[in-house]
Amino acid sequence: MAIHSSDTVDLALNMIRENSDSKGLDGAILINDRDDIDVEGRDHEEFLQGDPRIPSAMKDLRNLIGQLLEADSSGSADGEDFE
């Protein structure tokens, strides 16, 4: 999920621009490893572009994981403390 975050894409493109002669670079193609293709069902090549919704989704996911861990550590068998 992070690879498609607009923040990650912007950082990657800036690093490429700084280390190449392509100052006008506004995109790149991601070549996926064969293992990733098989395991994750990805295409061999993907156009690297950001999705501004990803950082928010990652924050929501981290919050959910935290709530689940907190509910699990509370010892409540029926989950009554979990909202």
PDB file of N, CA and C in Angstrom:
ATOM      1  N   MET A   1       0.830  -1.189   0.000  1.00  0.00           N
ATOM      2  CA  MET A   1       0.000   0.000   0.000  1.00  0.00           C
ATOM      3  C   MET A   1       0.876   1.254   0.000  1.00  0.00           C
ATOM      4  N   ALA A   2       1.967   1.216   0.742  1.00  0.00           N
ATOM      5  CA  ALA A   2       2.808   2.412   0.856  1.00  0.00           C
ATOM      6  C   ALA A   2       3.424   2.821  -0.471  1.00  0.00           C
ATOM      7  N   ILE A   3       3.717   1.850  -1.331  1.00  0.00           N
ATOM      8  CA  ILE A   3       4.348   2.188  -2.607  1.00  0.00           C
ATOM      9  C   ILE A   3       3.436   3.057  -3.457  1.00  0.00           C
ATOM     10  N   HIS A   4       2.141   2.985  -3.233  1.00  0.00           N
ATOM     11  CA  HIS A   4       1.205   3.781  -4.006  1.00  0.00           C
ATOM     12  C   HIS A   4       0.763   5.049  -3.275  1.00  0.00           C
ATOM     13  N   SER A   5       1.366   5.324  -2.129  1.00  0.00           N
ATOM     14  CA  SER A   5       1.085   6.559  -1.408  1.00  0.00           C
ATOM     15  C   SER A   5       1.658   7.738  -2.190  1.00  0.00           C
ATOM     16  N   SER A   6       0.896   8.800  -2.296  1.00  0.00           N
ATOM     17  CA  SER A   6       1.393   9.969  -3.026  1.00  0.00           C
ATOM     18  C   SER A   6       2.662  10.521  -2.383  1.00  0.00           C
ATOM     19  N   ASP A   7       2.771  10.423  -1.065  1.00  0.00           N
ATOM     20  CA  ASP A   7       3.975  10.897  -0.379  1.00  0.00           C
ATOM     21  C   ASP A   7       5.191  10.059  -0.779  1.00  0.00           C
ATOM     22  N   THR A   8       5.033   8.744  -0.825  1.00  0.00           N
ATOM     23  CA  THR A   8       6.129   7.851  -1.205  1.00  0.00           C
ATOM     24  C   THR A   8       6.538   8.071  -2.652  1.00  0.00           C
ATOM     25  N   VAL A   9       5.549   8.225  -3.532  1.00  0.00           N
ATOM     26  CA  VAL A   9       5.837   8.453  -4.951  1.00  0.00           C
ATOM     27  C   VAL A   9       6.582   9.765  -5.134  1.00  0.00           C
ATOM     28  N   ASP A  10       6.126  10.830  -4.485  1.00  0.00           N
ATOM     29  CA  ASP A  10       6.807  12.128  -4.591  1.00  0.00           C
ATOM     30  C   ASP A  10       8.250  12.027  -4.098  1.00  0.00           C
ATOM     31  N   LEU A  11       8.466  11.351  -2.986  1.00  0.00           N
ATOM     32  CA  LEU A  11       9.812  11.179  -2.448  1.00  0.00           C
ATOM     33  C   LEU A  11      10.684  10.399  -3.428  1.00  0.00           C
ATOM     34  N   ALA A  12      10.152   9.301  -3.984  1.00  0.00           N
ATOM     35  CA  ALA A  12      10.914   8.490  -4.940  1.00  0.00           C
ATOM     36  C   ALA A  12      11.264   9.291  -6.188  1.00  0.00           C
ATOM     37  N   LEU A  13      10.299  10.029  -6.731  1.00  0.00           N
ATOM     38  CA  LEU A  13      10.564  10.816  -7.934  1.00  0.00           C
ATOM     39  C   LEU A  13      11.581  11.917  -7.665  1.00  0.00           C
ATOM     40  N   ASN A  14      11.517  12.540  -6.494  1.00  0.00           N
ATOM     41  CA  ASN A  14      12.508  13.560  -6.140  1.00  0.00           C
ATOM     42  C   ASN A  14      13.904  12.963  -6.054  1.00  0.00           C
ATOM     43  N   MET A  15      14.012  11.750  -5.490  1.00  0.00           N
ATOM     44  CA  MET A  15      15.308  11.081  -5.399  1.00  0.00           C
ATOM     45  C   MET A  15      15.836  10.752  -6.791  1.00  0.00           C
ATOM     46  N   ILE A  16      14.956  10.312  -7.680  1.00  0.00           N
ATOM     47  CA  ILE A  16      15.381  10.017  -9.056  1.00  0.00           C
ATOM     48  C   ILE A  16      15.843  11.292  -9.750  1.00  0.00           C
ATOM     49  N   ARG A  17      15.085  12.389  -9.594  1.00  0.00           N
ATOM     50  CA  ARG A  17      15.450  13.673 -10.215  1.00  0.00           C
ATOM     51  C   ARG A  17      16.819  14.153  -9.729  1.00  0.00           C
ATOM     52  N   GLU A  18      17.053  14.029  -8.409  1.00  0.00           N
ATOM     53  CA  GLU A  18      18.313  14.496  -7.832  1.00  0.00           C
ATOM     54  C   GLU A  18      19.512  13.689  -8.320  1.00  0.00           C
ATOM     55  N   ASN A  19      19.288  12.455  -8.704  1.00  0.00           N
ATOM     56  CA  ASN A  19      20.386  11.568  -9.077  1.00  0.00           C
ATOM     57  C   ASN A  19      20.433  11.234 -10.566  1.00  0.00           C
ATOM     58  N   SER A  20      19.741  12.034 -11.357  1.00  0.00           N
ATOM     59  CA  SER A  20      19.768  11.801 -12.803  1.00  0.00           C
ATOM     60  C   SER A  20      19.707  13.129 -13.540  1.00  0.00           C
ATOM     61  N   ASP A  21      19.818  13.058 -14.839  1.00  0.00           N
ATOM     62  CA  ASP A  21      19.729  14.255 -15.673  1.00  0.00           C
ATOM     63  C   ASP A  21      18.288  14.577 -16.047  1.00  0.00           C
ATOM     64  N   SER A  22      17.340  13.819 -15.545  1.00  0.00           N
ATOM     65  CA  SER A  22      15.926  13.971 -15.909  1.00  0.00           C
ATOM     66  C   SER A  22      15.212  14.890 -14.929  1.00  0.00           C
ATOM     67  N   LYS A  23      15.526  16.171 -14.957  1.00  0.00           N
ATOM     68  CA  LYS A  23      14.941  17.123 -14.023  1.00  0.00           C
ATOM     69  C   LYS A  23      13.442  17.318 -14.253  1.00  0.00           C
ATOM     70  N   GLY A  24      12.965  17.089 -15.473  1.00  0.00           N
ATOM     71  CA  GLY A  24      11.551  17.264 -15.778  1.00  0.00           C
ATOM     72  C   GLY A  24      10.737  16.004 -15.566  1.00  0.00           C
ATOM     73  N   LEU A  25      11.302  15.035 -14.890  1.00  0.00           N
ATOM     74  CA  LEU A  25      10.650  13.754 -14.663  1.00  0.00           C
ATOM     75  C   LEU A  25       9.366  13.921 -13.858  1.00  0.00           C
ATOM     76  N   ASP A  26       8.264  13.389 -14.376  1.00  0.00           N
ATOM     77  CA  ASP A  26       7.012  13.471 -13.617  1.00  0.00           C
ATOM     78  C   ASP A  26       6.362  12.111 -13.425  1.00  0.00           C
ATOM     79  N   GLY A  27       7.081  11.048 -13.773  1.00  0.00           N
ATOM     80  CA  GLY A  27       6.559   9.704 -13.581  1.00  0.00           C
ATOM     81  C   GLY A  27       7.654   8.683 -13.799  1.00  0.00           C
ATOM     82  N   ALA A  28       7.365   7.465 -13.403  1.00  0.00           N
ATOM     83  CA  ALA A  28       8.322   6.381 -13.569  1.00  0.00           C
ATOM     84  C   ALA A  28       7.558   5.072 -13.685  1.00  0.00           C
ATOM     85  N   ILE A  29       8.228   4.067 -14.193  1.00  0.00           N
ATOM     86  CA  ILE A  29       7.632   2.741 -14.293  1.00  0.00           C
ATOM     87  C   ILE A  29       8.310   1.847 -13.263  1.00  0.00           C
ATOM     88  N   LEU A  30       7.506   1.199 -12.466  1.00  0.00           N
ATOM     89  CA  LEU A  30       7.989   0.290 -11.440  1.00  0.00           C
ATOM     90  C   LEU A  30       8.054  -1.115 -12.035  1.00  0.00           C
ATOM     91  N   ILE A  31       9.230  -1.707 -12.000  1.00  0.00           N
ATOM     92  CA  ILE A  31       9.417  -3.083 -12.477  1.00  0.00           C
ATOM     93  C   ILE A  31       9.351  -3.981 -11.248  1.00  0.00           C
ATOM     94  N   ASN A  32       8.311  -4.797 -11.168  1.00  0.00           N
ATOM     95  CA  ASN A  32       8.114  -5.648 -10.002  1.00  0.00           C
ATOM     96  C   ASN A  32       8.945  -6.921 -10.087  1.00  0.00           C
ATOM     97  N   ASP A  33       9.405  -7.358  -8.935  1.00  0.00           N
ATOM     98  CA  ASP A  33      10.133  -8.607  -8.804  1.00  0.00           C
ATOM     99  C   ASP A  33       9.199  -9.770  -9.127  1.00  0.00           C
ATOM    100  N   ARG A  34       9.731 -10.796  -9.737  1.00  0.00           N
ATOM    101  CA  ARG A  34       8.916 -11.962 -10.131  1.00  0.00           C
ATOM    102  C   ARG A  34       8.193 -12.580  -8.939  1.00  0.00           C
ATOM    103  N   ASP A  35       8.838 -12.613  -7.768  1.00  0.00           N
ATOM    104  CA  ASP A  35       8.186 -13.176  -6.578  1.00  0.00           C
ATOM    105  C   ASP A  35       6.967 -12.344  -6.182  1.00  0.00           C
ATOM    106  N   ASP A  36       7.079 -11.011  -6.290  1.00  0.00           N
ATOM    107  CA  ASP A  36       5.949 -10.142  -5.968  1.00  0.00           C
ATOM    108  C   ASP A  36       4.801 -10.356  -6.945  1.00  0.00           C
ATOM    109  N   ILE A  37       5.155 -10.563  -8.191  1.00  0.00           N
ATOM    110  CA  ILE A  37       4.137 -10.777  -9.218  1.00  0.00           C
ATOM    111  C   ILE A  37       3.334 -12.031  -8.887  1.00  0.00           C
ATOM    112  N   ASP A  38       4.048 -13.102  -8.526  1.00  0.00           N
ATOM    113  CA  ASP A  38       3.380 -14.370  -8.227  1.00  0.00           C
ATOM    114  C   ASP A  38       2.564 -14.297  -6.935  1.00  0.00           C
ATOM    115  N   VAL A  39       3.148 -13.730  -5.894  1.00  0.00           N
ATOM    116  CA  VAL A  39       2.494 -13.708  -4.583  1.00  0.00           C
ATOM    117  C   VAL A  39       1.363 -12.685  -4.526  1.00  0.00           C
ATOM    118  N   GLU A  40       1.603 -11.497  -5.058  1.00  0.00           N
ATOM    119  CA  GLU A  40       0.640 -10.409  -4.918  1.00  0.00           C
ATOM    120  C   GLU A  40      -0.237 -10.199  -6.141  1.00  0.00           C
ATOM    121  N   GLY A  41       0.004 -10.962  -7.195  1.00  0.00           N
ATOM    122  CA  GLY A  41      -0.808 -10.820  -8.403  1.00  0.00           C
ATOM    123  C   GLY A  41      -0.612  -9.485  -9.100  1.00  0.00           C
ATOM    124  N   ARG A  42       0.594  -8.945  -9.034  1.00  0.00           N
ATOM    125  CA  ARG A  42       0.891  -7.659  -9.667  1.00  0.00           C
ATOM    126  C   ARG A  42       1.279  -7.843 -11.118  1.00  0.00           C
ATOM    127  N   ASP A  43       1.181  -6.759 -11.877  1.00  0.00           N
ATOM    128  CA  ASP A  43       1.701  -6.738 -13.242  1.00  0.00           C
ATOM    129  C   ASP A  43       3.222  -6.633 -13.174  1.00  0.00           C
ATOM    130  N   HIS A  44       3.899  -7.057 -14.251  1.00  0.00           N
ATOM    131  CA  HIS A  44       5.354  -6.955 -14.287  1.00  0.00           C
ATOM    132  C   HIS A  44       5.792  -5.488 -14.235  1.00  0.00           C
ATOM    133  N   GLU A  45       5.080  -4.624 -14.950  1.00  0.00           N
ATOM    134  CA  GLU A  45       5.382  -3.197 -14.946  1.00  0.00           C
ATOM    135  C   GLU A  45       4.158  -2.418 -14.497  1.00  0.00           C
ATOM    136  N   GLU A  46       4.376  -1.439 -13.618  1.00  0.00           N
ATOM    137  CA  GLU A  46       3.301  -0.561 -13.165  1.00  0.00           C
ATOM    138  C   GLU A  46       3.779   0.881 -13.283  1.00  0.00           C
ATOM    139  N   PHE A  47       2.896   1.746 -13.749  1.00  0.00           N
ATOM    140  CA  PHE A  47       3.221   3.168 -13.768  1.00  0.00           C
ATOM    141  C   PHE A  47       3.149   3.673 -12.343  1.00  0.00           C
ATOM    142  N   LEU A  48       4.232   4.269 -11.871  1.00  0.00           N
ATOM    143  CA  LEU A  48       4.315   4.750 -10.498  1.00  0.00           C
ATOM    144  C   LEU A  48       3.570   6.073 -10.400  1.00  0.00           C
ATOM    145  N   GLN A  49       2.446   6.030  -9.748  1.00  0.00           N
ATOM    146  CA  GLN A  49       1.684   7.259  -9.541  1.00  0.00           C
ATOM    147  C   GLN A  49       1.072   7.235  -8.155  1.00  0.00           C
ATOM    148  N   GLY A  50       0.932   8.387  -7.574  1.00  0.00           N
ATOM    149  CA  GLY A  50       0.446   8.474  -6.211  1.00  0.00           C
ATOM    150  C   GLY A  50      -1.060   8.478  -6.111  1.00  0.00           C
ATOM    151  N   ASP A  51      -1.526   8.030  -4.977  1.00  0.00           N
ATOM    152  CA  ASP A  51      -2.944   8.077  -4.649  1.00  0.00           C
ATOM    153  C   ASP A  51      -3.054   8.835  -3.334  1.00  0.00           C
ATOM    154  N   PRO A  52      -3.626  10.043  -3.355  1.00  0.00           N
ATOM    155  CA  PRO A  52      -3.671  10.860  -2.137  1.00  0.00           C
ATOM    156  C   PRO A  52      -4.517  10.251  -1.024  1.00  0.00           C
ATOM    157  N   ARG A  53      -5.306   9.230  -1.316  1.00  0.00           N
ATOM    158  CA  ARG A  53      -6.128   8.600  -0.279  1.00  0.00           C
ATOM    159  C   ARG A  53      -5.327   7.640   0.591  1.00  0.00           C
ATOM    160  N   ILE A  54      -4.180   7.181   0.103  1.00  0.00           N
ATOM    161  CA  ILE A  54      -3.421   6.143   0.801  1.00  0.00           C
ATOM    162  C   ILE A  54      -2.945   6.584   2.194  1.00  0.00           C
ATOM    163  N   PRO A  55      -2.324   7.769   2.378  1.00  0.00           N
ATOM    164  CA  PRO A  55      -1.882   8.138   3.734  1.00  0.00           C
ATOM    165  C   PRO A  55      -3.021   8.123   4.742  1.00  0.00           C
ATOM    166  N   SER A  56      -4.194   8.580   4.353  1.00  0.00           N
ATOM    167  CA  SER A  56      -5.336   8.564   5.259  1.00  0.00           C
ATOM    168  C   SER A  56      -5.760   7.136   5.579  1.00  0.00           C
ATOM    169  N   ALA A  57      -5.772   6.281   4.566  1.00  0.00           N
ATOM    170  CA  ALA A  57      -6.147   4.874   4.779  1.00  0.00           C
ATOM    171  C   ALA A  57      -5.133   4.185   5.686  1.00  0.00           C
ATOM    172  N   MET A  58      -3.849   4.502   5.515  1.00  0.00           N
ATOM    173  CA  MET A  58      -2.826   3.897   6.368  1.00  0.00           C
ATOM    174  C   MET A  58      -2.983   4.351   7.810  1.00  0.00           C
ATOM    175  N   LYS A  59      -3.324   5.615   8.012  1.00  0.00           N
ATOM    176  CA  LYS A  59      -3.557   6.123   9.368  1.00  0.00           C
ATOM    177  C   LYS A  59      -4.755   5.413   9.990  1.00  0.00           C
ATOM    178  N   ASP A  60      -5.844   5.268   9.240  1.00  0.00           N
ATOM    179  CA  ASP A  60      -7.023   4.566   9.738  1.00  0.00           C
ATOM    180  C   ASP A  60      -6.686   3.121  10.091  1.00  0.00           C
ATOM    181  N   LEU A  61      -5.880   2.469   9.254  1.00  0.00           N
ATOM    182  CA  LEU A  61      -5.493   1.083   9.500  1.00  0.00           C
ATOM    183  C   LEU A  61      -4.658   0.968  10.772  1.00  0.00           C
ATOM    184  N   ARG A  62      -3.705   1.888  10.954  1.00  0.00           N
ATOM    185  CA  ARG A  62      -2.898   1.876  12.180  1.00  0.00           C
ATOM    186  C   ARG A  62      -3.778   2.084  13.409  1.00  0.00           C
ATOM    187  N   ASN A  63      -4.756   2.986  13.321  1.00  0.00           N
ATOM    188  CA  ASN A  63      -5.673   3.211  14.442  1.00  0.00           C
ATOM    189  C   ASN A  63      -6.477   1.958  14.751  1.00  0.00           C
ATOM    190  N   LEU A  64      -6.978   1.295  13.716  1.00  0.00           N
ATOM    191  CA  LEU A  64      -7.743   0.069  13.906  1.00  0.00           C
ATOM    192  C   LEU A  64      -6.897  -1.017  14.557  1.00  0.00           C
ATOM    193  N   ILE A  65      -5.663  -1.177  14.079  1.00  0.00           N
ATOM    194  CA  ILE A  65      -4.765  -2.176  14.665  1.00  0.00           C
ATOM    195  C   ILE A  65      -4.532  -1.860  16.139  1.00  0.00           C
ATOM    196  N   GLY A  66      -4.313  -0.598  16.456  1.00  0.00           N
ATOM    197  CA  GLY A  66      -4.114  -0.193  17.849  1.00  0.00           C
ATOM    198  C   GLY A  66      -5.319  -0.511  18.713  1.00  0.00           C
ATOM    199  N   GLN A  67      -6.516  -0.245  18.200  1.00  0.00           N
ATOM    200  CA  GLN A  67      -7.734  -0.539  18.952  1.00  0.00           C
ATOM    201  C   GLN A  67      -7.901  -2.046  19.162  1.00  0.00           C
ATOM    202  N   LEU A  68      -7.610  -2.824  18.135  1.00  0.00           N
ATOM    203  CA  LEU A  68      -7.720  -4.279  18.252  1.00  0.00           C
ATOM    204  C   LEU A  68      -6.717  -4.832  19.259  1.00  0.00           C
ATOM    205  N   LEU A  69      -5.494  -4.317  19.229  1.00  0.00           N
ATOM    206  CA  LEU A  69      -4.483  -4.764  20.193  1.00  0.00           C
ATOM    207  C   LEU A  69      -4.875  -4.371  21.608  1.00  0.00           C
ATOM    208  N   GLU A  70      -5.416  -3.173  21.761  1.00  0.00           N
ATOM    209  CA  GLU A  70      -5.848  -2.716  23.078  1.00  0.00           C
ATOM    210  C   GLU A  70      -6.994  -3.575  23.602  1.00  0.00           C
ATOM    211  N   ALA A  71      -7.963  -3.870  22.748  1.00  0.00           N
ATOM    212  CA  ALA A  71      -9.095  -4.702  23.154  1.00  0.00           C
ATOM    213  C   ALA A  71      -8.627  -6.107  23.501  1.00  0.00           C
ATOM    214  N   ASP A  72      -7.663  -6.633  22.749  1.00  0.00           N
ATOM    215  CA  ASP A  72      -7.147  -7.976  22.997  1.00  0.00           C
ATOM    216  C   ASP A  72      -6.396  -8.034  24.320  1.00  0.00           C
ATOM    217  N   SER A  73      -5.658  -6.980  24.644  1.00  0.00           N
ATOM    218  CA  SER A  73      -4.864  -6.983  25.871  1.00  0.00           C
ATOM    219  C   SER A  73      -5.694  -6.661  27.105  1.00  0.00           C
ATOM    220  N   SER A  74      -6.934  -6.202  26.908  1.00  0.00           N
ATOM    221  CA  SER A  74      -7.783  -5.876  28.065  1.00  0.00           C
ATOM    222  C   SER A  74      -8.305  -7.125  28.749  1.00  0.00           C
ATOM    223  N   GLY A  75      -8.221  -8.271  28.067  1.00  0.00           N
ATOM    224  CA  GLY A  75      -8.650  -9.525  28.663  1.00  0.00           C
ATOM    225  C   GLY A  75     -10.135  -9.763  28.597  1.00  0.00           C
ATOM    226  N   SER A  76     -10.860  -8.896  27.947  1.00  0.00           N
ATOM    227  CA  SER A  76     -12.303  -9.044  27.840  1.00  0.00           C
ATOM    228  C   SER A  76     -12.622 -10.147  26.837  1.00  0.00           C
ATOM    229  N   ALA A  77     -13.237 -11.213  27.311  1.00  0.00           N
ATOM    230  CA  ALA A  77     -13.522 -12.360  26.448  1.00  0.00           C
ATOM    231  C   ALA A  77     -14.603 -12.067  25.419  1.00  0.00           C
ATOM    232  N   ASP A  78     -15.564 -11.228  25.792  1.00  0.00           N
ATOM    233  CA  ASP A  78     -16.664 -10.968  24.860  1.00  0.00           C
ATOM    234  C   ASP A  78     -16.472  -9.689  24.049  1.00  0.00           C
ATOM    235  N   GLY A  79     -15.353  -9.009  24.267  1.00  0.00           N
ATOM    236  CA  GLY A  79     -15.052  -7.801  23.489  1.00  0.00           C
ATOM    237  C   GLY A  79     -15.918  -6.615  23.857  1.00  0.00           C
ATOM    238  N   GLU A  80     -16.489  -6.615  25.085  1.00  0.00           N
ATOM    239  CA  GLU A  80     -17.411  -5.535  25.452  1.00  0.00           C
ATOM    240  C   GLU A  80     -16.754  -4.185  25.543  1.00  0.00           C
ATOM    241  N   ASP A  81     -15.416  -4.149  25.743  1.00  0.00           N
ATOM    242  CA  ASP A  81     -14.718  -2.869  25.811  1.00  0.00           C
ATOM    243  C   ASP A  81     -14.389  -2.319  24.432  1.00  0.00           C
ATOM    244  N   PHE A  82     -14.549  -3.105  23.418  1.00  0.00           N
ATOM    245  CA  PHE A  82     -14.184  -2.699  22.059  1.00  0.00           C
ATOM    246  C   PHE A  82     -15.328  -1.940  21.407  1.00  0.00           C
ATOM    247  N   GLU A  83     -14.993  -0.768  20.835  1.00  0.00           N
ATOM    248  CA  GLU A  83     -16.024   0.041  20.158  1.00  0.00           C
ATOM    249  C   GLU A  83     -15.796  -0.001  18.672  1.00  0.00           C
TER     250      GLU A  83
END
